[in-house]
Every structure is written in structure tokens, then in C-alpha cells.
């Protein structure tokens, strides 16, 4: 998207008529690509508004927890009593979403509007970071366009999860640090505030403050010590105060219950996807990285390295998705734009040079083309899933009532749409039971006495069990045994995932 970064020809530039002609056509190409990106983004927004059901499973979990915060005034639970749900993220996004719910928006749309506003902010901020380090509006335009056209960022930028907002705060922190470094602006304290907001939105957003601290250390060690002490002390004090006020539930949820096991297969899937959609930016950064390190773009390189390390260290978590790639993808877009400038790509291309540098137009164009193509598939998938979800919800309405007894469902979307809460969140609950952090007995006893009016699982428990997938929500074996003994299968409902869902109800409701 062009936004505020449309290049203007400066009076001090000396450009030959031939170069001016090439630049004219290059800018036309950027405009066309920007228009395409805007059209794709509008399609994402249309599906965001049209879809009444989840666009990702964690979106339903976040929406349910925000609804519970709105209705009950509680966000973090003690994991020993109902509801057995882990609020895995920091509180800022939930507070904002809850505020919009109170203002009258539906839970899913409230979260999506927050993410979309943050995504628009990211398009602007990434361009401004590139402009700071290059002074070149072509580079700024390329950075903004690379972000706006990314299928990964467009998809997650319209989903009601914490990631896009957290990334915006992190990039805003780095932008304000860059203003301090490049222009000497009095913005270091603003960078600290934004970095703290990023951490209190998602606790893994540590790359930006770490990069700021490391760059400060190389520049002014005394200032780095002060920044580290004030920032670290402030964040730690706030976290400990919240934890104390909540009797330890805050850290229990966001840290101790959030340590999911790792999977090598998951890491390979994440890495392949990252390489496939970011290949163009990876190629540009690879050939220009040395030049950036020797130039004045050291800070973005440091941030890139740390963001990639965070991604590599967390991508293998069971339950992770491509949202773990958001920050790295953003920094690659910025560094690719800066790298093009450092290699003098724009001048060489405009002058029709035969230098190998001009061939970097190919990976740049490839990045844009991949973004548009993958976005088309993602949008089509949203349309198909929404239709399946709507049919599924209609069939499940008789079994899931807004009030009444307990309901257990591995389909989180159903719980948000029909109950606006969760009694048990099976995926994380099962993982915590498996490592003995949660006692399975309360739920087992309630299953044994038919306390759950409905149980919805993604499997037929009366058939031989297939090899399990740790990312498919289920129950511990001792609880599945109680379902077999005390419940009957009443309906199989097709849905958008796997083989749909299986609905169970008690054989005989015992007196509670």
C-alpha cells in the first residue's frame, strides 16, 4: 500500500531522462501492487465481518475468556476448580476486547477489530522504520507493501487473537528507539512504554526490548543500564503486583501452565511454511545483510536476529500456529527494504544497470505474488469453513443450552456461540493433566455421575482409537472411560475439521 510513503522526486536529485522513465514505470508497478494488496485486504475485512464463527481455534478460546471476564469479572483461574481453562496470554488484549464487548460488539468481532487496527498500524510503522534508516521513500513504500501483501499478516491481522496487537506495540517500541538512535529524538522512554505494552499483551514479545537494550549497550552502556533497570524493574513490579492481587493465578496461567511440550515435527512444519511464504524477503536479506551490518542499519539487524531466535525457540510448541512467525515476518520485510537501499538497488534499476543487484526485483515480485496467491486460498477456506460452521451450530443447538448443567466440548467455537463460556478447555487441560499439574479427578467424578448435560468430542469413543495427535483436543484416558460407561452417542455432526464432532449425553442423570 502506498499510504504516506509515495515517493516524491527531490529537487536535488539528478536523474537522467532514461532513469526518470524507468522510475516512473517502477512507481506505477508499486501502485498496481498496492491496489492489489488493498483489494485483498478488503476481502479479508469482508470475511472478518461476515464470519460469525471462529477463524482460528484460539480465537474462540480468547473470545470465551473475554466474555467470562465481561460477565464474571475474572480472567485468570486457579486450575483446581471449574472452569478448567488456562488464560495463556497477558491481560491487555482481553481488557480491550472486554471493553468493546461491553460497548455492544460481539466477542469475535471485537477482537478482530482490535487486530485489524493493529495491522493497519503495522503497515505504517514498518514503512516509517525503513524511511528512518534509509531516507528513501521507495524503500519505505516497499516495506509497507511487503507487509500489506503478506498472506500471513493479512490473515492474522483479521483474527481476534493477541498476536497482531502485540507485534504492533513491539514495532512501535523499536520505531521510537530508532528515532532516538537516528535522529536523537527524546523517544527512548516512549520505546520503553511500548515495549512494556507488548509484553503485557503477549509474554514472548521479548525480541524488541532485548534488541533495544543490546543496541543501547553498544552505544552507551550507562544509558543501557538505566534503561534495563527501569524497564525490567517496572515490568517485573507490575507482573508481581498483578500476581499478588490474584493470589498467584496470574503467573500460574501465563507462565507455568503455558509451558507446552515441544515437537520436532511441528518445528519442521513451521519452518517450511516460513521459508515458503517469506522466500523473497529471505533472499534479499541474505545478500544484503553484510552491507546492512556495515552501514547504519545495525539495529534492525540485531532485532531481526533476536526475533528469529524467539521464533526458533517457540515454533515447536504443541498448539503453536503460524502466528508465531508474525514478528519475524515483519522484521524481514523491513530489513529487505533497507537492504535494497543499502545495495543501491533503486538507483541501479532506474539507470538500467546490468548489475546483479537489479535481479533482486525477482524475489521482491515473487514475495508479492505468493502473498496474493496464498491469500486467495485462505479467503476461500474461510468461506467454506464458515458455511460448515453454520450448519454445525444449527445441529448442535438442541444439545448446548446457554445455561443449565455443565457442558464439555473440544469444539471451542460451539461454546462461544451457544454458551459464551467454557467449563473445560480440553486441549491445554489434557496437557496439564499429562504432566500432573492438574488433578483429573473432579472432572472424572462429574462424568461418572452424569453431571455434564452434553459432551462433544472429535472422536467416537466406542470405536478403536487411532494414533493420537497432541494438538487435537481430547480427554485423559480415565475420563474417556467414564464417557464410555455413563454416556451414549446421540449424534455425529459433520464440521469443518477432521470428521466433525460426536455428541454424547448421559445414560441416566443421577441426582446431583
Protein backbone atom coordinates (compact mmCIF):
# COMPACT_ATOMS: atom_id res chain seq x y z
CA UNK A 1 0.00 0.00 0.00
CA UNK A 2 1.29 3.44 -0.82
CA UNK A 3 -0.15 5.15 2.27
CA UNK A 4 2.11 8.05 3.27
CA UNK A 5 5.16 6.70 1.53
CA UNK A 6 4.58 7.60 -2.12
CA UNK A 7 7.99 8.77 -3.30
CA UNK A 8 8.44 12.37 -4.31
CA UNK A 9 11.20 13.49 -6.66
CA UNK A 10 13.52 15.85 -4.79
CA UNK A 11 14.89 18.94 -6.49
CA UNK A 12 18.42 17.93 -5.53
CA UNK A 13 18.24 14.62 -7.38
CA UNK A 14 19.99 14.45 -10.72
CA UNK A 15 18.19 11.85 -12.81
CA UNK A 16 18.69 11.22 -16.48
CA UNK A 17 15.57 11.17 -18.71
CA UNK A 18 16.00 7.40 -19.22
CA UNK A 19 16.28 6.77 -15.47
CA UNK A 20 13.29 9.01 -14.83
CA UNK A 21 11.25 6.93 -17.29
CA UNK A 22 12.17 3.66 -15.56
CA UNK A 23 11.40 5.15 -12.16
CA UNK A 24 8.01 6.25 -13.47
CA UNK A 25 7.15 2.70 -14.54
CA UNK A 26 8.56 1.26 -11.31
CA UNK A 27 6.30 3.53 -9.30
CA UNK A 28 3.37 2.51 -11.47
CA UNK A 29 4.19 -1.10 -10.63
CA UNK A 30 4.23 -0.25 -6.91
CA UNK A 31 0.85 1.45 -7.29
CA UNK A 32 -0.62 -1.59 -9.04
CA UNK A 33 0.77 -3.89 -6.36
CA UNK A 34 -0.61 -1.56 -3.68
CA UNK A 35 -4.07 -1.60 -5.25
CA UNK A 36 -3.99 -5.41 -5.37
CA UNK A 37 -2.92 -5.52 -1.73
CA UNK A 38 -5.75 -3.15 -0.82
CA UNK A 39 -8.28 -5.34 -2.66
CA UNK A 40 -7.03 -8.48 -0.89
CA UNK A 41 -7.11 -6.67 2.44
CA UNK A 42 -10.69 -5.54 1.83
CA UNK A 43 -11.60 -9.18 1.14
CA UNK A 44 -10.04 -10.16 4.47
CA UNK A 45 -12.08 -7.43 6.18
CA UNK A 46 -15.27 -8.59 4.44
CA UNK A 47 -14.79 -12.17 5.66
CA UNK A 48 -13.83 -10.84 9.09
CA UNK A 49 -17.17 -9.06 9.34
CA UNK A 50 -19.24 -11.78 7.67
CA UNK A 51 -17.93 -14.75 9.65
CA UNK A 52 -19.90 -15.30 12.85
CA UNK A 53 -17.77 -18.31 13.76
CA UNK A 54 -14.11 -18.73 14.60
CA UNK A 55 -11.37 -18.01 12.07
CA UNK A 56 -8.93 -19.97 14.26
CA UNK A 57 -9.50 -22.25 17.28
CA UNK A 58 -7.57 -20.00 19.71
CA UNK A 59 -9.82 -17.09 18.65
CA UNK A 60 -12.74 -18.90 20.27
CA UNK A 61 -10.74 -19.52 23.44
CA UNK A 62 -9.74 -15.86 23.69
CA UNK A 63 -13.32 -14.74 22.96
CA UNK A 64 -14.72 -17.08 25.62
CA UNK A 65 -12.27 -15.81 28.22
CA UNK A 66 -13.06 -12.18 27.37
CA UNK A 67 -16.78 -12.95 27.69
CA UNK A 68 -16.16 -14.59 31.05
CA UNK A 69 -14.19 -11.52 32.11
CA UNK A 70 -17.09 -9.32 30.99
CA UNK A 71 -19.75 -11.37 32.77
CA UNK A 72 -17.88 -12.65 35.85
CA UNK A 73 -15.09 -10.08 36.30
CA UNK A 74 -12.47 -12.83 36.39
CA UNK A 75 -9.77 -13.69 33.84
CA UNK A 76 -7.20 -15.99 35.45
CA UNK A 77 -8.46 -19.14 37.23
CA UNK A 78 -6.77 -21.35 39.83
CA UNK A 79 -6.81 -24.58 37.73
CA UNK A 80 -8.22 -26.52 40.71
CA UNK A 81 -11.90 -25.74 40.21
CA UNK A 82 -14.31 -25.05 37.38
CA UNK A 83 -13.83 -23.53 34.89
CA UNK A 84 -10.77 -25.56 33.91
CA UNK A 85 -9.43 -23.11 31.36
CA UNK A 86 -5.98 -21.56 31.08
CA UNK A 87 -5.74 -17.90 30.15
CA UNK A 88 -2.37 -18.26 28.45
CA UNK A 89 -1.80 -14.64 27.44
CA UNK A 90 -1.18 -11.38 29.22
CA UNK A 91 -4.22 -9.23 30.09
CA UNK A 92 -4.11 -6.19 27.79
CA UNK A 93 -5.89 -7.67 24.76
CA UNK A 94 -8.57 -9.22 26.98
CA UNK A 95 -9.22 -5.89 28.67
CA UNK A 96 -9.62 -4.12 25.33
CA UNK A 97 -11.82 -6.88 23.91
CA UNK A 98 -13.96 -6.93 27.04
CA UNK A 99 -14.40 -3.15 26.79
CA UNK A 100 -15.65 -3.44 23.20
CA UNK A 101 -18.00 -6.27 24.21
CA UNK A 102 -19.48 -4.01 26.89
CA UNK A 103 -19.86 -1.35 24.19
CA UNK A 104 -22.09 -3.72 22.23
CA UNK A 105 -19.81 -5.59 19.80
CA UNK A 106 -19.89 -9.37 19.58
CA UNK A 107 -16.87 -11.07 21.11
CA UNK A 108 -15.34 -12.33 17.86
CA UNK A 109 -15.82 -9.03 16.04
CA UNK A 110 -14.46 -7.02 18.95
CA UNK A 111 -11.20 -8.96 18.86
CA UNK A 112 -10.99 -8.79 15.08
CA UNK A 113 -11.36 -5.02 15.01
CA UNK A 114 -8.52 -4.70 17.52
CA UNK A 115 -6.28 -6.89 15.38
CA UNK A 116 -7.20 -5.10 12.16
CA UNK A 117 -6.47 -1.67 13.64
CA UNK A 118 -3.11 -3.00 14.82
CA UNK A 119 -2.41 -4.42 11.34
CA UNK A 120 -3.04 -1.05 9.70
CA UNK A 121 -0.70 0.47 12.27
CA UNK A 122 1.96 -2.09 11.39
CA UNK A 123 1.79 -1.20 7.70
CA UNK A 124 2.52 2.42 8.59
CA UNK A 125 5.13 1.77 11.30
CA UNK A 126 7.15 -0.66 9.17
CA UNK A 127 7.34 1.90 6.37
CA UNK A 128 8.44 4.60 8.79
CA UNK A 129 11.17 2.42 10.25
CA UNK A 130 12.54 1.77 6.76
CA UNK A 131 12.33 5.51 6.00
CA UNK A 132 14.26 6.35 9.16
CA UNK A 133 17.18 4.11 8.25
CA UNK A 134 17.29 4.91 4.54
CA UNK A 135 15.75 8.33 3.93
CA UNK A 136 14.40 6.67 0.77
CA UNK A 137 10.66 6.73 0.15
CA UNK A 138 10.95 3.90 -2.34
CA UNK A 139 12.36 1.68 0.42
CA UNK A 140 9.61 2.82 2.82
CA UNK A 141 6.97 2.02 0.22
CA UNK A 142 8.44 -1.43 -0.39
CA UNK A 143 8.47 -2.19 3.36
CA UNK A 144 4.82 -1.17 3.77
CA UNK A 145 3.80 -3.05 0.65
CA UNK A 146 5.64 -6.21 1.72
CA UNK A 147 3.69 -6.15 4.99
CA UNK A 148 0.33 -5.28 3.41
CA UNK A 149 0.61 -8.04 0.78
CA UNK A 150 1.72 -10.79 3.16
CA UNK A 151 -0.84 -13.58 3.37
CA UNK A 152 0.39 -14.44 6.87
CA UNK A 153 -0.07 -10.91 8.17
CA UNK A 154 -3.35 -10.31 6.34
CA UNK A 155 -4.81 -13.49 7.77
CA UNK A 156 -3.74 -12.98 11.39
CA UNK A 157 -4.42 -9.25 11.13
CA UNK A 158 -8.15 -10.01 10.93
CA UNK A 159 -8.33 -12.71 13.62
CA UNK A 160 -9.28 -11.91 17.22
CA UNK A 161 -6.04 -13.04 18.86
CA UNK A 162 -3.38 -11.16 20.77
CA UNK A 163 -0.53 -11.53 18.26
CA UNK A 164 -1.07 -8.61 15.88
CA UNK A 165 -1.63 -6.10 18.67
CA UNK A 166 1.46 -7.37 20.49
CA UNK A 167 3.51 -7.07 17.28
CA UNK A 168 2.28 -3.51 16.74
CA UNK A 169 3.41 -2.47 20.22
CA UNK A 170 6.79 -4.19 19.69
CA UNK A 171 7.40 -2.49 16.33
CA UNK A 172 6.24 0.85 17.75
CA UNK A 173 8.80 0.38 20.54
CA UNK A 174 11.56 -0.27 18.02
CA UNK A 175 10.45 2.68 15.86
CA UNK A 176 10.72 5.05 18.82
CA UNK A 177 14.11 3.62 19.74
CA UNK A 178 15.18 4.17 16.12
CA UNK A 179 14.06 7.80 16.32
CA UNK A 180 16.34 8.16 19.33
CA UNK A 181 19.26 6.43 17.60
CA UNK A 182 18.99 8.01 14.14
CA UNK A 183 17.67 11.48 14.93
CA UNK A 184 18.50 11.91 18.60
CA UNK A 185 14.83 12.32 19.47
CA UNK A 186 13.69 12.19 23.10
CA UNK A 187 11.75 8.99 22.46
CA UNK A 188 13.62 6.30 24.37
CA UNK A 189 11.09 6.43 27.20
CA UNK A 190 8.26 6.03 24.66
CA UNK A 191 10.05 2.94 23.34
CA UNK A 192 10.09 1.54 26.86
CA UNK A 193 6.36 2.15 27.31
CA UNK A 194 5.50 0.43 24.02
CA UNK A 195 7.80 -2.50 24.83
CA UNK A 196 6.03 -2.94 28.16
CA UNK A 197 2.64 -2.84 26.41
CA UNK A 198 3.88 -5.53 24.02
CA UNK A 199 4.93 -7.78 26.91
CA UNK A 200 1.62 -7.26 28.70
CA UNK A 201 -0.16 -8.29 25.52
CA UNK A 202 1.94 -11.39 24.80
CA UNK A 203 4.73 -12.53 27.09
CA UNK A 204 7.00 -13.82 24.30
CA UNK A 205 7.46 -10.35 22.80
CA UNK A 206 10.94 -10.05 24.22
CA UNK A 207 12.89 -9.53 20.98
CA UNK A 208 12.16 -5.78 20.71
CA UNK A 209 13.20 -4.79 24.26
CA UNK A 210 16.20 -7.14 24.05
CA UNK A 211 17.27 -5.52 20.77
CA UNK A 212 16.87 -2.04 22.22
CA UNK A 213 18.90 -2.95 25.28
CA UNK A 214 21.66 -4.60 23.24
CA UNK A 215 21.91 -1.69 20.81
CA UNK A 216 21.99 0.76 23.72
CA UNK A 217 24.77 -1.29 25.31
CA UNK A 218 26.88 -0.97 22.16
CA UNK A 219 26.17 2.77 22.03
CA UNK A 220 26.07 3.98 25.65
CA UNK A 221 26.48 1.44 28.44
CA UNK A 222 25.42 3.77 31.21
CA UNK A 223 22.18 4.59 29.44
CA UNK A 224 21.67 0.90 28.71
CA UNK A 225 21.97 0.03 32.41
CA UNK A 226 19.43 2.71 33.32
CA UNK A 227 17.03 1.61 30.60
CA UNK A 228 17.35 -2.04 31.57
CA UNK A 229 16.87 -1.32 35.25
CA UNK A 230 13.84 0.93 34.78
CA UNK A 231 12.20 -1.22 32.13
CA UNK A 232 12.94 -4.58 33.74
CA UNK A 233 12.09 -3.34 37.21
CA UNK A 234 8.85 -1.75 36.06
CA UNK A 235 7.66 -4.83 34.17
CA UNK A 236 8.64 -7.18 37.00
CA UNK A 237 6.96 -4.99 39.61
CA UNK A 238 3.74 -4.78 37.60
CA UNK A 239 3.68 -8.53 36.98
CA UNK A 240 4.34 -9.36 40.63
CA UNK A 241 1.69 -6.89 41.76
CA UNK A 242 -0.93 -8.46 39.47
CA UNK A 243 0.14 -11.92 40.61
CA UNK A 244 -0.14 -10.92 44.27
CA UNK A 245 -3.57 -9.38 43.72
CA UNK A 246 -4.76 -12.60 42.04
CA UNK A 247 -3.25 -14.93 44.68
CA UNK A 248 -0.68 -16.37 42.27
CA UNK A 249 -3.12 -17.18 39.47
CA UNK A 250 -1.56 -14.70 37.03
CA UNK A 251 1.86 -16.37 36.77
CA UNK A 252 0.30 -19.82 37.14
CA UNK A 253 -1.65 -19.21 33.92
CA UNK A 254 0.74 -17.13 31.83
CA UNK A 255 3.98 -18.91 32.72
CA UNK A 256 3.72 -22.24 34.50
CA UNK A 257 0.64 -23.59 32.69
CA UNK A 258 1.89 -22.25 29.36
CA UNK A 259 4.95 -24.48 29.05
CA UNK A 260 3.62 -26.85 26.41
CA UNK A 261 5.78 -29.77 25.23
CA UNK A 262 7.80 -29.41 22.02
CA UNK A 263 7.53 -31.38 18.82
CA UNK A 264 10.22 -31.76 16.15
CA UNK A 265 7.52 -32.40 13.54
CA UNK A 266 5.80 -29.16 14.49
CA UNK A 267 9.07 -27.26 14.12
CA UNK A 268 9.62 -28.64 10.60
CA UNK A 269 6.09 -27.67 9.57
CA UNK A 270 6.58 -24.16 10.91
CA UNK A 271 9.97 -23.73 9.26
CA UNK A 272 8.76 -24.98 5.88
CA UNK A 273 5.83 -22.61 5.90
CA UNK A 274 8.03 -19.68 6.94
CA UNK A 275 10.51 -20.38 4.14
CA UNK A 276 7.77 -20.84 1.54
CA UNK A 277 5.91 -17.57 2.14
CA UNK A 278 8.94 -15.43 3.04
CA UNK A 279 11.35 -16.79 0.43
CA UNK A 280 11.58 -13.47 -1.43
CA UNK A 281 12.38 -11.45 1.69
CA UNK A 282 14.82 -14.11 2.89
CA UNK A 283 16.75 -13.94 -0.39
CA UNK A 284 17.03 -10.14 -0.31
CA UNK A 285 18.10 -10.05 3.33
CA UNK A 286 20.64 -12.84 2.79
CA UNK A 287 22.53 -10.95 0.06
CA UNK A 288 22.32 -7.56 1.77
CA UNK A 289 22.83 -8.50 5.43
CA UNK A 290 26.57 -7.84 5.45
CA UNK A 291 26.09 -4.42 3.86
CA UNK A 292 23.45 -3.53 6.46
CA UNK A 293 25.73 -4.54 9.31
CA UNK A 294 28.49 -2.31 7.94
CA UNK A 295 26.09 0.54 7.33
CA UNK A 296 23.88 2.38 9.78
CA UNK A 297 21.24 -0.35 9.86
CA UNK A 298 22.85 -2.38 12.65
CA UNK A 299 19.84 -2.04 14.98
CA UNK A 300 17.31 -3.61 12.55
CA UNK A 301 19.77 -6.47 12.00
CA UNK A 302 20.05 -7.05 15.75
CA UNK A 303 16.26 -7.02 16.06
CA UNK A 304 15.95 -9.46 13.15
CA UNK A 305 18.41 -11.93 14.71
CA UNK A 306 16.65 -11.83 18.08
CA UNK A 307 13.17 -12.14 16.54
CA UNK A 308 14.27 -15.18 14.54
CA UNK A 309 15.79 -16.73 17.68
CA UNK A 310 12.49 -16.24 19.55
CA UNK A 311 10.63 -17.81 16.64
CA UNK A 312 13.01 -20.79 16.50
CA UNK A 313 12.73 -21.22 20.25
CA UNK A 314 8.92 -21.25 20.38
CA UNK A 315 7.73 -22.55 16.99
CA UNK A 316 7.94 -26.19 18.05
CA UNK A 317 5.44 -25.82 20.92
CA UNK A 318 2.44 -28.12 20.73
CA UNK A 319 -0.51 -25.86 19.93
CA UNK A 320 1.57 -23.26 18.11
CA UNK A 321 0.44 -21.94 14.76
CA UNK A 322 1.84 -19.65 12.08
CA UNK A 323 1.07 -16.67 14.33
CA UNK A 324 4.45 -17.42 15.93
CA UNK A 325 6.03 -16.13 12.70
CA UNK A 326 4.43 -12.70 12.71
CA UNK A 327 7.21 -10.66 14.30
CA UNK A 328 9.95 -12.32 12.23
CA UNK A 329 7.98 -11.77 9.01
CA UNK A 330 7.59 -8.07 9.83
CA UNK A 331 11.28 -7.56 10.52
CA UNK A 332 12.26 -9.43 7.37
CA UNK A 333 10.06 -7.03 5.35
CA UNK A 334 11.74 -4.02 6.96
CA UNK A 335 15.26 -5.39 6.55
CA UNK A 336 14.62 -6.39 2.93
CA UNK A 337 13.56 -2.83 2.11
CA UNK A 338 16.60 -1.41 3.92
CA UNK A 339 18.82 -4.00 2.22
CA UNK A 340 17.63 -2.92 -1.23
CA UNK A 341 18.58 0.64 -0.37
CA UNK A 342 21.97 -0.38 1.04
CA UNK A 343 22.74 -2.26 -2.20
CA UNK A 344 21.71 0.85 -4.18
CA UNK A 345 19.07 -1.23 -5.93
CA UNK A 346 16.71 1.62 -6.76
CA UNK A 347 19.32 3.85 -8.43
CA UNK A 348 20.87 0.95 -10.33
CA UNK A 349 17.49 -0.29 -11.51
CA UNK A 350 16.34 3.15 -12.59
CA UNK A 351 19.56 3.62 -14.59
CA UNK A 352 19.09 0.22 -16.26
CA UNK A 353 22.33 -1.11 -14.82
CA UNK A 354 23.41 -4.63 -15.71
CA UNK A 355 24.48 -5.23 -12.10
CA UNK A 356 23.31 -8.43 -10.41
CA UNK A 357 21.66 -6.21 -7.79
CA UNK A 358 18.84 -5.34 -10.20
CA UNK A 359 17.87 -9.03 -10.27
CA UNK A 360 16.54 -8.58 -6.74
CA UNK A 361 13.36 -7.34 -8.37
CA UNK A 362 12.59 -11.03 -8.94
CA UNK A 363 12.40 -12.12 -5.26
CA UNK A 364 10.53 -8.89 -4.46
CA UNK A 365 7.92 -9.61 -7.13
CA UNK A 366 7.83 -13.26 -6.03
CA UNK A 367 7.02 -12.24 -2.46
CA UNK A 368 4.09 -10.15 -3.65
CA UNK A 369 2.79 -12.86 -5.99
CA UNK A 370 2.99 -15.55 -3.28
CA UNK A 371 1.15 -13.27 -0.88
CA UNK A 372 -1.73 -12.67 -3.27
CA UNK A 373 -1.97 -16.35 -4.26
CA UNK A 374 -1.91 -17.75 -0.73
CA UNK A 375 -4.37 -15.09 0.41
CA UNK A 376 -6.83 -16.22 -2.27
CA UNK A 377 -6.66 -19.79 -0.90
CA UNK A 378 -7.01 -18.57 2.69
CA UNK A 379 -10.06 -16.48 1.85
CA UNK A 380 -11.69 -19.37 0.03
CA UNK A 381 -11.00 -21.57 3.05
CA UNK A 382 -12.70 -19.03 5.31
CA UNK A 383 -15.83 -19.05 3.15
CA UNK A 384 -16.04 -22.84 3.13
CA UNK A 385 -15.39 -23.21 6.86
CA UNK A 386 -17.97 -20.59 7.78
CA UNK A 387 -20.69 -22.41 5.84
CA UNK A 388 -19.78 -25.68 7.55
CA UNK A 389 -19.70 -24.00 10.96
CA UNK A 390 -23.16 -22.51 10.47
CA UNK A 391 -24.63 -25.88 9.59
CA UNK A 392 -22.86 -27.46 12.57
CA UNK A 393 -24.13 -24.83 15.01
CA UNK A 394 -27.73 -25.36 13.91
CA UNK A 395 -27.47 -29.11 14.58
CA UNK A 396 -25.82 -28.60 17.98
CA UNK A 397 -28.26 -26.00 19.34
CA UNK A 398 -30.61 -28.62 20.89
CA UNK A 399 -27.71 -30.11 22.87
CA UNK A 400 -25.94 -26.97 24.11
CA UNK A 401 -28.03 -24.52 26.12
CA UNK A 402 -26.88 -21.09 27.30
CA UNK A 403 -27.50 -22.07 30.92
CA UNK A 404 -28.04 -25.23 32.89
CA UNK A 405 -25.65 -28.05 33.64
CA UNK A 406 -22.01 -28.40 32.72
CA UNK A 407 -21.03 -28.85 29.07
CA UNK A 408 -17.71 -30.27 27.89
CA UNK A 409 -16.68 -29.67 24.28
CA UNK A 410 -13.49 -29.98 22.26
CA UNK A 411 -15.16 -27.63 19.76
CA UNK A 412 -14.45 -24.21 21.28
CA UNK A 413 -16.47 -22.37 18.67
CA UNK A 414 -19.65 -24.09 19.85
CA UNK A 415 -19.05 -22.99 23.42
CA UNK A 416 -18.58 -19.35 22.45
CA UNK A 417 -21.57 -19.26 20.11
CA UNK A 418 -24.03 -21.15 22.30
CA UNK A 419 -22.74 -20.80 25.87
CA UNK A 420 -20.42 -17.75 25.88
CA UNK A 421 -18.16 -19.58 28.31
CA UNK A 422 -16.16 -22.79 28.74
CA UNK A 423 -16.40 -25.21 31.64
CA UNK A 424 -13.39 -27.25 30.47
CA UNK A 425 -10.84 -26.36 27.76
CA UNK A 426 -9.76 -29.90 26.77
CA UNK A 427 -6.55 -29.20 24.79
CA UNK A 428 -4.49 -27.41 27.46
CA UNK A 429 -6.34 -29.22 30.25
CA UNK A 430 -5.29 -32.62 28.89
CA UNK A 431 -1.67 -31.47 28.50
CA UNK A 432 -1.62 -30.24 32.10
CA UNK A 433 -3.14 -33.48 33.38
CA UNK A 434 -0.49 -35.47 31.50
CA UNK A 435 2.31 -33.63 33.35
CA UNK A 436 0.46 -33.84 36.71
CA UNK A 437 -0.15 -30.09 37.03
CA UNK A 438 -3.93 -30.52 37.18
CA UNK A 439 -5.92 -33.17 39.07
CA UNK A 440 -8.25 -35.03 36.67
CA UNK A 441 -10.48 -36.33 39.48
CA UNK A 442 -13.07 -33.50 39.69
CA UNK A 443 -13.98 -33.83 36.01
CA UNK A 444 -13.81 -37.65 36.16
CA UNK A 445 -16.21 -37.75 39.10
CA UNK A 446 -18.65 -35.42 37.34
CA UNK A 447 -18.51 -37.51 34.19
CA UNK A 448 -19.15 -40.64 36.25
CA UNK A 449 -22.31 -39.17 37.79
CA UNK A 450 -23.59 -37.63 34.57
CA UNK A 451 -23.13 -34.03 35.69
CA UNK A 452 -22.30 -32.95 32.13
CA UNK A 453 -25.53 -32.50 30.22
CA UNK A 454 -23.59 -32.81 26.95
CA UNK A 455 -20.11 -33.97 25.98
CA UNK A 456 -18.85 -33.06 22.49
CA UNK A 457 -15.69 -34.79 21.28
CA UNK A 458 -13.86 -35.07 17.97
CA UNK A 459 -13.86 -38.89 18.17
CA UNK A 460 -16.19 -41.83 18.53
CA UNK A 461 -15.06 -43.26 21.87
CA UNK A 462 -16.81 -46.59 21.14
CA UNK A 463 -14.58 -47.27 18.13
CA UNK A 464 -10.92 -48.35 18.16
CA UNK A 465 -8.81 -45.28 18.76
CA UNK A 466 -6.47 -44.02 16.04
CA UNK A 467 -2.97 -42.77 16.86
CA UNK A 468 -3.40 -39.58 18.84
CA UNK A 469 -2.40 -36.09 17.79
CA UNK A 470 -1.33 -33.90 20.71
CA UNK A 471 -2.92 -30.87 19.05
CA UNK A 472 -6.39 -32.41 18.79
CA UNK A 473 -8.36 -31.69 21.93
CA UNK A 474 -9.42 -34.77 23.86
CA UNK A 475 -9.72 -36.03 27.44
CA UNK A 476 -7.42 -38.12 29.61
CA UNK A 477 -7.99 -41.86 29.22
CA UNK A 478 -9.59 -42.26 32.66
CA UNK A 479 -12.18 -39.64 31.70
CA UNK A 480 -12.81 -41.18 28.28
CA UNK A 481 -13.51 -44.44 30.11
CA UNK A 482 -16.23 -42.66 32.13
CA UNK A 483 -17.76 -41.33 28.92
CA UNK A 484 -17.92 -44.92 27.59
CA UNK A 485 -19.55 -46.17 30.79
CA UNK A 486 -22.04 -43.41 31.50
CA UNK A 487 -22.81 -41.69 28.18
CA UNK A 488 -24.36 -42.64 24.88
CA UNK A 489 -23.58 -41.32 21.43
CA UNK A 490 -26.64 -39.36 20.28
CA UNK A 491 -25.41 -37.72 17.08
CA UNK A 492 -22.48 -37.35 14.72
CA UNK A 493 -22.38 -33.79 13.34
CA UNK A 494 -20.21 -33.01 10.29
CA UNK A 495 -18.00 -29.97 10.66
CA UNK A 496 -15.06 -28.11 9.13
CA UNK A 497 -12.37 -30.10 10.95
CA UNK A 498 -11.47 -33.79 10.81
CA UNK A 499 -14.59 -36.00 10.89
CA UNK A 500 -16.78 -33.41 12.59
CA UNK A 501 -17.89 -33.86 16.21
CA UNK A 502 -19.63 -36.60 18.21
CA UNK A 503 -22.30 -35.65 20.72
CA UNK A 504 -22.78 -37.67 23.91
CA UNK A 505 -25.41 -37.40 26.64
CA UNK A 506 -25.75 -39.23 29.97
CA UNK A 507 -27.37 -42.68 30.01
CA UNK A 508 -29.12 -41.79 33.25
CA UNK A 509 -28.78 -38.46 35.02
CA UNK A 510 -28.05 -39.16 38.69
CA UNK A 511 -29.22 -36.85 41.42
CA UNK A 512 -26.58 -34.22 42.00
